Amino acid sequence: MRLEDEPARQGAPLTRELAGFRDLRAVGQRCRVLYRVEERQRVVQVVAVGLRREGSRDDIYELARRLLRTGLIEPTRPAAGTKRRKSGRQK
């Protein structure tokens, strides 16, 4: 399945600071693609691609949080019905 086919149903919704974004595992499960779907415009915006390195400054989720804090990517609102959890990713 490709990202262009039903992008809002692929990947996992993110929470907390990254609420409204989704992530998709790729290339052996360590690489992540973080993206958001703009339904009205039918656009998928990839905001970050990188490796999952939990606890590392180079972790893709930490990089995305820094991009948000510095204003290099704009925050987005989660889709209706998306619950916020304390973890970085919904299960």
PDB file of N, CA and C in Angstrom:
ATOM      1  N   MET A   1       0.841  -1.176   0.000  1.00  0.00           N
ATOM      2  CA  MET A   1       0.000   0.000   0.000  1.00  0.00           C
ATOM      3  C   MET A   1       0.890   1.245   0.000  1.00  0.00           C
ATOM      4  N   ARG A   2       0.540   2.225  -0.792  1.00  0.00           N
ATOM      5  CA  ARG A   2       1.313   3.461  -0.879  1.00  0.00           C
ATOM      6  C   ARG A   2       0.637   4.572  -0.095  1.00  0.00           C
ATOM      7  N   LEU A   3       1.433   5.571   0.272  1.00  0.00           N
ATOM      8  CA  LEU A   3       0.927   6.683   1.083  1.00  0.00           C
ATOM      9  C   LEU A   3      -0.174   7.448   0.370  1.00  0.00           C
ATOM     10  N   GLU A   4      -0.133   7.504  -0.945  1.00  0.00           N
ATOM     11  CA  GLU A   4      -1.165   8.243  -1.674  1.00  0.00           C
ATOM     12  C   GLU A   4      -2.525   7.551  -1.624  1.00  0.00           C
ATOM     13  N   ASP A   5      -2.549   6.266  -1.292  1.00  0.00           N
ATOM     14  CA  ASP A   5      -3.803   5.517  -1.166  1.00  0.00           C
ATOM     15  C   ASP A   5      -4.303   5.619   0.268  1.00  0.00           C
ATOM     16  N   GLU A   6      -5.316   6.427   0.502  1.00  0.00           N
ATOM     17  CA  GLU A   6      -5.923   6.615   1.822  1.00  0.00           C
ATOM     18  C   GLU A   6      -4.889   6.973   2.896  1.00  0.00           C
ATOM     19  N   PRO A   7      -4.206   8.098   2.760  1.00  0.00           N
ATOM     20  CA  PRO A   7      -3.152   8.471   3.723  1.00  0.00           C
ATOM     21  C   PRO A   7      -3.664   8.666   5.144  1.00  0.00           C
ATOM     22  N   ALA A   8      -4.921   9.060   5.305  1.00  0.00           N
ATOM     23  CA  ALA A   8      -5.460   9.277   6.650  1.00  0.00           C
ATOM     24  C   ALA A   8      -5.686   7.959   7.380  1.00  0.00           C
ATOM     25  N   ARG A   9      -5.681   6.852   6.673  1.00  0.00           N
ATOM     26  CA  ARG A   9      -5.876   5.538   7.300  1.00  0.00           C
ATOM     27  C   ARG A   9      -4.563   4.786   7.479  1.00  0.00           C
ATOM     28  N   GLN A  10      -3.513   5.283   6.882  1.00  0.00           N
ATOM     29  CA  GLN A  10      -2.213   4.625   7.014  1.00  0.00           C
ATOM     30  C   GLN A  10      -1.439   5.247   8.163  1.00  0.00           C
ATOM     31  N   GLY A  11      -0.436   4.582   8.609  1.00  0.00           N
ATOM     32  CA  GLY A  11       0.379   5.118   9.686  1.00  0.00           C
ATOM     33  C   GLY A  11      -0.398   5.180  10.989  1.00  0.00           C
ATOM     34  N   ALA A  12       0.249   5.724  11.987  1.00  0.00           N
ATOM     35  CA  ALA A  12      -0.362   5.834  13.305  1.00  0.00           C
ATOM     36  C   ALA A  12      -0.471   7.306  13.679  1.00  0.00           C
ATOM     37  N   PRO A  13      -1.591   7.699  14.283  1.00  0.00           N
ATOM     38  CA  PRO A  13      -1.714   9.092  14.718  1.00  0.00           C
ATOM     39  C   PRO A  13      -0.781   9.367  15.892  1.00  0.00           C
ATOM     40  N   LEU A  14      -0.155  10.519  15.880  1.00  0.00           N
ATOM     41  CA  LEU A  14       0.736  10.910  16.966  1.00  0.00           C
ATOM     42  C   LEU A  14      -0.027  11.750  17.980  1.00  0.00           C
ATOM     43  N   THR A  15       0.552  11.941  19.144  1.00  0.00           N
ATOM     44  CA  THR A  15      -0.132  12.640  20.232  1.00  0.00           C
ATOM     45  C   THR A  15       0.774  13.723  20.804  1.00  0.00           C
ATOM     46  N   ARG A  16       0.250  14.369  21.848  1.00  0.00           N
ATOM     47  CA  ARG A  16       0.951  15.435  22.564  1.00  0.00           C
ATOM     48  C   ARG A  16       1.384  16.533  21.605  1.00  0.00           C
ATOM     49  N   GLU A  17       2.638  16.917  21.631  1.00  0.00           N
ATOM     50  CA  GLU A  17       3.109  18.009  20.775  1.00  0.00           C
ATOM     51  C   GLU A  17       2.924  17.701  19.290  1.00  0.00           C
ATOM     52  N   LEU A  18       2.924  16.422  18.939  1.00  0.00           N
ATOM     53  CA  LEU A  18       2.837  16.028  17.531  1.00  0.00           C
ATOM     54  C   LEU A  18       1.424  15.604  17.123  1.00  0.00           C
ATOM     55  N   ALA A  19       0.432  15.944  17.946  1.00  0.00           N
ATOM     56  CA  ALA A  19      -0.952  15.605  17.619  1.00  0.00           C
ATOM     57  C   ALA A  19      -1.327  16.236  16.287  1.00  0.00           C
ATOM     58  N   GLY A  20      -2.019  15.473  15.465  1.00  0.00           N
ATOM     59  CA  GLY A  20      -2.423  15.940  14.148  1.00  0.00           C
ATOM     60  C   GLY A  20      -1.505  15.427  13.050  1.00  0.00           C
ATOM     61  N   PHE A  21      -0.350  14.919  13.455  1.00  0.00           N
ATOM     62  CA  PHE A  21       0.577  14.301  12.502  1.00  0.00           C
ATOM     63  C   PHE A  21       0.417  12.792  12.592  1.00  0.00           C
ATOM     64  N   ARG A  22       0.903  12.099  11.580  1.00  0.00           N
ATOM     65  CA  ARG A  22       0.880  10.638  11.557  1.00  0.00           C
ATOM     66  C   ARG A  22       2.285  10.152  11.257  1.00  0.00           C
ATOM     67  N   ASP A  23       2.563   8.899  11.628  1.00  0.00           N
ATOM     68  CA  ASP A  23       3.851   8.329  11.242  1.00  0.00           C
ATOM     69  C   ASP A  23       3.650   6.993  10.558  1.00  0.00           C
ATOM     70  N   LEU A  24       4.565   6.708   9.680  1.00  0.00           N
ATOM     71  CA  LEU A  24       4.528   5.485   8.896  1.00  0.00           C
ATOM     72  C   LEU A  24       5.905   4.859   8.987  1.00  0.00           C
ATOM     73  N   ARG A  25       5.956   3.570   9.269  1.00  0.00           N
ATOM     74  CA  ARG A  25       7.236   2.867   9.336  1.00  0.00           C
ATOM     75  C   ARG A  25       7.658   2.462   7.929  1.00  0.00           C
ATOM     76  N   ALA A  26       8.948   2.550   7.681  1.00  0.00           N
ATOM     77  CA  ALA A  26       9.471   2.200   6.363  1.00  0.00           C
ATOM     78  C   ALA A  26      10.870   1.615   6.505  1.00  0.00           C
ATOM     79  N   VAL A  27      11.344   1.004   5.484  1.00  0.00           N
ATOM     80  CA  VAL A  27      12.713   0.515   5.370  1.00  0.00           C
ATOM     81  C   VAL A  27      13.159  -0.242   6.620  1.00  0.00           C
ATOM     82  N   GLY A  28      12.628  -1.408   6.802  1.00  0.00           N
ATOM     83  CA  GLY A  28      13.060  -2.240   7.911  1.00  0.00           C
ATOM     84  C   GLY A  28      12.536  -1.811   9.267  1.00  0.00           C
ATOM     85  N   GLN A  29      11.515  -1.013   9.314  1.00  0.00           N
ATOM     86  CA  GLN A  29      10.802  -0.615  10.525  1.00  0.00           C
ATOM     87  C   GLN A  29      11.504   0.432  11.385  1.00  0.00           C
ATOM     88  N   ARG A  30      12.774   0.750  11.162  1.00  0.00           N
ATOM     89  CA  ARG A  30      13.452   1.768  11.975  1.00  0.00           C
ATOM     90  C   ARG A  30      13.273   3.162  11.412  1.00  0.00           C
ATOM     91  N   CYS A  31      13.047   3.259  10.140  1.00  0.00           N
ATOM     92  CA  CYS A  31      12.876   4.564   9.500  1.00  0.00           C
ATOM     93  C   CYS A  31      11.413   4.989   9.621  1.00  0.00           C
ATOM     94  N   ARG A  32      11.190   6.254   9.935  1.00  0.00           N
ATOM     95  CA  ARG A  32       9.831   6.776  10.077  1.00  0.00           C
ATOM     96  C   ARG A  32       9.607   7.931   9.109  1.00  0.00           C
ATOM     97  N   VAL A  33       8.396   8.010   8.597  1.00  0.00           N
ATOM     98  CA  VAL A  33       7.962   9.126   7.772  1.00  0.00           C
ATOM     99  C   VAL A  33       6.866   9.820   8.569  1.00  0.00           C
ATOM    100  N   LEU A  34       7.087  11.078   8.964  1.00  0.00           N
ATOM    101  CA  LEU A  34       6.089  11.845   9.698  1.00  0.00           C
ATOM    102  C   LEU A  34       5.391  12.766   8.715  1.00  0.00           C
ATOM    103  N   TYR A  35       4.069  12.734   8.729  1.00  0.00           N
ATOM    104  CA  TYR A  35       3.313  13.504   7.753  1.00  0.00           C
ATOM    105  C   TYR A  35       1.991  13.955   8.335  1.00  0.00           C
ATOM    106  N   ARG A  36       1.341  14.853   7.613  1.00  0.00           N
ATOM    107  CA  ARG A  36      -0.021  15.260   7.966  1.00  0.00           C
ATOM    108  C   ARG A  36      -0.847  15.252   6.694  1.00  0.00           C
ATOM    109  N   VAL A  37      -2.131  15.095   6.881  1.00  0.00           N
ATOM    110  CA  VAL A  37      -3.058  15.046   5.751  1.00  0.00           C
ATOM    111  C   VAL A  37      -3.957  16.262   5.828  1.00  0.00           C
ATOM    112  N   GLU A  38      -3.990  17.035   4.766  1.00  0.00           N
ATOM    113  CA  GLU A  38      -4.904  18.170   4.672  1.00  0.00           C
ATOM    114  C   GLU A  38      -6.049  17.736   3.767  1.00  0.00           C
ATOM    115  N   GLU A  39      -7.108  17.245   4.414  1.00  0.00           N
ATOM    116  CA  GLU A  39      -8.239  16.645   3.702  1.00  0.00           C
ATOM    117  C   GLU A  39      -8.900  17.602   2.708  1.00  0.00           C
ATOM    118  N   ARG A  40      -9.095  18.845   3.144  1.00  0.00           N
ATOM    119  CA  ARG A  40      -9.807  19.798   2.273  1.00  0.00           C
ATOM    120  C   ARG A  40      -9.073  20.035   0.965  1.00  0.00           C
ATOM    121  N   GLN A  41      -7.756  20.065   1.032  1.00  0.00           N
ATOM    122  CA  GLN A  41      -6.962  20.326  -0.167  1.00  0.00           C
ATOM    123  C   GLN A  41      -6.461  19.041  -0.815  1.00  0.00           C
ATOM    124  N   ARG A  42      -6.755  17.899  -0.180  1.00  0.00           N
ATOM    125  CA  ARG A  42      -6.294  16.590  -0.662  1.00  0.00           C
ATOM    126  C   ARG A  42      -4.778  16.574  -0.837  1.00  0.00           C
ATOM    127  N   VAL A  43      -4.093  17.001   0.225  1.00  0.00           N
ATOM    128  CA  VAL A  43      -2.635  17.110   0.201  1.00  0.00           C
ATOM    129  C   VAL A  43      -2.054  16.297   1.357  1.00  0.00           C
ATOM    130  N   VAL A  44      -0.971  15.578   1.070  1.00  0.00           N
ATOM    131  CA  VAL A  44      -0.191  14.911   2.102  1.00  0.00           C
ATOM    132  C   VAL A  44       1.113  15.679   2.196  1.00  0.00           C
ATOM    133  N   GLN A  45       1.414  16.199   3.388  1.00  0.00           N
ATOM    134  CA  GLN A  45       2.635  16.966   3.596  1.00  0.00           C
ATOM    135  C   GLN A  45       3.578  16.148   4.471  1.00  0.00           C
ATOM    136  N   VAL A  46       4.678  15.711   3.884  1.00  0.00           N
ATOM    137  CA  VAL A  46       5.707  14.989   4.646  1.00  0.00           C
ATOM    138  C   VAL A  46       6.540  16.042   5.358  1.00  0.00           C
ATOM    139  N   VAL A  47       6.622  15.942   6.686  1.00  0.00           N
ATOM    140  CA  VAL A  47       7.327  16.963   7.459  1.00  0.00           C
ATOM    141  C   VAL A  47       8.686  16.492   7.967  1.00  0.00           C
ATOM    142  N   ALA A  48       8.910  15.193   8.063  1.00  0.00           N
ATOM    143  CA  ALA A  48      10.201  14.692   8.525  1.00  0.00           C
ATOM    144  C   ALA A  48      10.351  13.221   8.151  1.00  0.00           C
ATOM    145  N   VAL A  49      11.572  12.833   7.865  1.00  0.00           N
ATOM    146  CA  VAL A  49      11.906  11.439   7.576  1.00  0.00           C
ATOM    147  C   VAL A  49      13.207  11.146   8.301  1.00  0.00           C
ATOM    148  N   GLY A  50      13.237  10.055   9.052  1.00  0.00           N
ATOM    149  CA  GLY A  50      14.475   9.727   9.759  1.00  0.00           C
ATOM    150  C   GLY A  50      14.352   8.458  10.566  1.00  0.00           C
ATOM    151  N   LEU A  51      15.414   8.153  11.309  1.00  0.00           N
ATOM    152  CA  LEU A  51      15.469   6.935  12.110  1.00  0.00           C
ATOM    153  C   LEU A  51      14.901   7.146  13.507  1.00  0.00           C
ATOM    154  N   ARG A  52      14.298   6.096  14.017  1.00  0.00           N
ATOM    155  CA  ARG A  52      13.810   6.075  15.391  1.00  0.00           C
ATOM    156  C   ARG A  52      14.980   5.710  16.287  1.00  0.00           C
ATOM    157  N   ARG A  53      15.391   6.647  17.123  1.00  0.00           N
ATOM    158  CA  ARG A  53      16.495   6.425  18.068  1.00  0.00           C
ATOM    159  C   ARG A  53      16.055   6.937  19.421  1.00  0.00           C
ATOM    160  N   GLU A  54      15.230   6.178  20.098  1.00  0.00           N
ATOM    161  CA  GLU A  54      14.645   6.614  21.371  1.00  0.00           C
ATOM    162  C   GLU A  54      15.714   7.062  22.352  1.00  0.00           C
ATOM    163  N   GLY A  55      15.508   8.227  22.939  1.00  0.00           N
ATOM    164  CA  GLY A  55      16.432   8.774  23.915  1.00  0.00           C
ATOM    165  C   GLY A  55      17.575   9.566  23.306  1.00  0.00           C
ATOM    166  N   SER A  56      17.687   9.545  21.993  1.00  0.00           N
ATOM    167  CA  SER A  56      18.770  10.259  21.324  1.00  0.00           C
ATOM    168  C   SER A  56      18.299  11.623  20.838  1.00  0.00           C
ATOM    169  N   ARG A  57      19.198  12.565  20.813  1.00  0.00           N
ATOM    170  CA  ARG A  57      18.886  13.894  20.282  1.00  0.00           C
ATOM    171  C   ARG A  57      18.559  13.830  18.788  1.00  0.00           C
ATOM    172  N   ASP A  58      19.042  12.795  18.108  1.00  0.00           N
ATOM    173  CA  ASP A  58      18.818  12.631  16.674  1.00  0.00           C
ATOM    174  C   ASP A  58      17.547  11.849  16.351  1.00  0.00           C
ATOM    175  N   ASP A  59      16.783  11.465  17.371  1.00  0.00           N
ATOM    176  CA  ASP A  59      15.535  10.724  17.163  1.00  0.00           C
ATOM    177  C   ASP A  59      14.583  11.541  16.288  1.00  0.00           C
ATOM    178  N   ILE A  60      13.917  10.901  15.357  1.00  0.00           N
ATOM    179  CA  ILE A  60      13.040  11.602  14.412  1.00  0.00           C
ATOM    180  C   ILE A  60      11.911  12.350  15.112  1.00  0.00           C
ATOM    181  N   TYR A  61      11.378  11.784  16.195  1.00  0.00           N
ATOM    182  CA  TYR A  61      10.300  12.465  16.910  1.00  0.00           C
ATOM    183  C   TYR A  61      10.826  13.704  17.632  1.00  0.00           C
ATOM    184  N   GLU A  62      12.037  13.606  18.203  1.00  0.00           N
ATOM    185  CA  GLU A  62      12.647  14.764  18.853  1.00  0.00           C
ATOM    186  C   GLU A  62      12.932  15.858  17.823  1.00  0.00           C
ATOM    187  N   LEU A  63      13.410  15.461  16.657  1.00  0.00           N
ATOM    188  CA  LEU A  63      13.654  16.428  15.580  1.00  0.00           C
ATOM    189  C   LEU A  63      12.361  17.146  15.201  1.00  0.00           C
ATOM    190  N   ALA A  64      11.269  16.402  15.056  1.00  0.00           N
ATOM    191  CA  ALA A  64       9.981  17.012  14.697  1.00  0.00           C
ATOM    192  C   ALA A  64       9.513  17.981  15.785  1.00  0.00           C
ATOM    193  N   ARG A  65       9.712  17.624  17.056  1.00  0.00           N
ATOM    194  CA  ARG A  65       9.334  18.530  18.148  1.00  0.00           C
ATOM    195  C   ARG A  65      10.147  19.824  18.084  1.00  0.00           C
ATOM    196  N   ARG A  66      11.438  19.712  17.797  1.00  0.00           N
ATOM    197  CA  ARG A  66      12.280  20.911  17.682  1.00  0.00           C
ATOM    198  C   ARG A  66      11.838  21.770  16.503  1.00  0.00           C
ATOM    199  N   LEU A  67      11.480  21.143  15.396  1.00  0.00           N
ATOM    200  CA  LEU A  67      10.993  21.901  14.238  1.00  0.00           C
ATOM    201  C   LEU A  67       9.718  22.667  14.576  1.00  0.00           C
ATOM    202  N   LEU A  68       8.834  22.038  15.353  1.00  0.00           N
ATOM    203  CA  LEU A  68       7.608  22.714  15.801  1.00  0.00           C
ATOM    204  C   LEU A  68       7.926  23.881  16.722  1.00  0.00           C
ATOM    205  N   ARG A  69       8.791  23.650  17.705  1.00  0.00           N
ATOM    206  CA  ARG A  69       9.124  24.702  18.670  1.00  0.00           C
ATOM    207  C   ARG A  69       9.783  25.909  18.012  1.00  0.00           C
ATOM    208  N   THR A  70      10.572  25.680  16.978  1.00  0.00           N
ATOM    209  CA  THR A  70      11.257  26.782  16.300  1.00  0.00           C
ATOM    210  C   THR A  70      10.412  27.403  15.194  1.00  0.00           C
ATOM    211  N   GLY A  71       9.242  26.827  14.930  1.00  0.00           N
ATOM    212  CA  GLY A  71       8.349  27.386  13.922  1.00  0.00           C
ATOM    213  C   GLY A  71       8.673  26.986  12.495  1.00  0.00           C
ATOM    214  N   LEU A  72       9.555  26.008  12.317  1.00  0.00           N
ATOM    215  CA  LEU A  72       9.897  25.573  10.965  1.00  0.00           C
ATOM    216  C   LEU A  72       8.812  24.706  10.337  1.00  0.00           C
ATOM    217  N   ILE A  73       7.990  24.077  11.185  1.00  0.00           N
ATOM    218  CA  ILE A  73       6.760  23.445  10.703  1.00  0.00           C
ATOM    219  C   ILE A  73       5.635  23.954  11.589  1.00  0.00           C
ATOM    220  N   GLU A  74       4.485  24.139  10.985  1.00  0.00           N
ATOM    221  CA  GLU A  74       3.341  24.664  11.726  1.00  0.00           C
ATOM    222  C   GLU A  74       2.611  23.549  12.436  1.00  0.00           C
ATOM    223  N   PRO A  75       2.124  23.833  13.657  1.00  0.00           N
ATOM    224  CA  PRO A  75       1.334  22.818  14.356  1.00  0.00           C
ATOM    225  C   PRO A  75       0.025  22.581  13.612  1.00  0.00           C
ATOM    226  N   THR A  76      -0.553  21.449  13.863  1.00  0.00           N
ATOM    227  CA  THR A  76      -1.822  21.104  13.240  1.00  0.00           C
ATOM    228  C   THR A  76      -2.750  20.574  14.315  1.00  0.00           C
ATOM    229  N   ARG A  77      -4.006  20.573  14.038  1.00  0.00           N
ATOM    230  CA  ARG A  77      -4.978  20.046  14.993  1.00  0.00           C
ATOM    231  C   ARG A  77      -5.257  18.599  14.649  1.00  0.00           C
ATOM    232  N   PRO A  78      -5.459  17.761  15.682  1.00  0.00           N
ATOM    233  CA  PRO A  78      -5.777  16.360  15.411  1.00  0.00           C
ATOM    234  C   PRO A  78      -7.149  16.231  14.767  1.00  0.00           C
ATOM    235  N   ALA A  79      -7.333  15.176  14.010  1.00  0.00           N
ATOM    236  CA  ALA A  79      -8.620  14.911  13.373  1.00  0.00           C
ATOM    237  C   ALA A  79      -9.681  14.679  14.438  1.00  0.00           C
ATOM    238  N   ALA A  80     -10.917  14.940  14.086  1.00  0.00           N
ATOM    239  CA  ALA A  80     -12.025  14.736  15.021  1.00  0.00           C
ATOM    240  C   ALA A  80     -12.034  13.291  15.491  1.00  0.00           C
ATOM    241  N   GLY A  81     -12.212  13.104  16.779  1.00  0.00           N
ATOM    242  CA  GLY A  81     -12.277  11.763  17.335  1.00  0.00           C
ATOM    243  C   GLY A  81     -10.925  11.209  17.757  1.00  0.00           C
ATOM    244  N   THR A  82      -9.842  11.930  17.477  1.00  0.00           N
ATOM    245  CA  THR A  82      -8.518  11.465  17.883  1.00  0.00           C
ATOM    246  C   THR A  82      -8.319  11.768  19.357  1.00  0.00           C
ATOM    247  N   LYS A  83      -7.993  10.748  20.131  1.00  0.00           N
ATOM    248  CA  LYS A  83      -7.773  10.923  21.565  1.00  0.00           C
ATOM    249  C   LYS A  83      -6.318  11.267  21.814  1.00  0.00           C
ATOM    250  N   ARG A  84      -6.088  12.085  22.811  1.00  0.00           N
ATOM    251  CA  ARG A  84      -4.724  12.413  23.207  1.00  0.00           C
ATOM    252  C   ARG A  84      -4.307  11.480  24.330  1.00  0.00           C
ATOM    253  N   ARG A  85      -3.107  10.940  24.214  1.00  0.00           N
ATOM    254  CA  ARG A  85      -2.562  10.071  25.247  1.00  0.00           C
ATOM    255  C   ARG A  85      -1.251  10.641  25.716  1.00  0.00           C
ATOM    256  N   LYS A  86      -0.732  10.130  26.807  1.00  0.00           N
ATOM    257  CA  LYS A  86       0.521  10.654  27.350  1.00  0.00           C
ATOM    258  C   LYS A  86       1.731  10.170  26.566  1.00  0.00           C
ATOM    259  N   SER A  87       1.629   9.046  25.893  1.00  0.00           N
ATOM    260  CA  SER A  87       2.783   8.549  25.133  1.00  0.00           C
ATOM    261  C   SER A  87       2.931   9.351  23.835  1.00  0.00           C
ATOM    262  N   GLY A  88       4.060   9.184  23.161  1.00  0.00           N
ATOM    263  CA  GLY A  88       4.304   9.900  21.927  1.00  0.00           C
ATOM    264  C   GLY A  88       3.502   9.356  20.771  1.00  0.00           C
ATOM    265  N   ARG A  89       2.985   8.158  20.916  1.00  0.00           N
ATOM    266  CA  ARG A  89       2.291   7.521  19.811  1.00  0.00           C
ATOM    267  C   ARG A  89       1.103   6.740  20.349  1.00  0.00           C
ATOM    268  N   GLN A  90      -0.020   6.756  19.611  1.00  0.00           N
ATOM    269  CA  GLN A  90      -1.179   5.981  20.040  1.00  0.00           C
ATOM    270  C   GLN A  90      -0.978   4.532  19.697  1.00  0.00           C
ATOM    271  N   LYS A  91      -1.557   3.655  20.506  1.00  0.00           N
ATOM    272  CA  LYS A  91      -1.434   2.204  20.232  1.00  0.00           C
ATOM    273  C   LYS A  91      -2.700   1.676  19.648  1.00  0.00           C
TER     274      LYS A  91
END
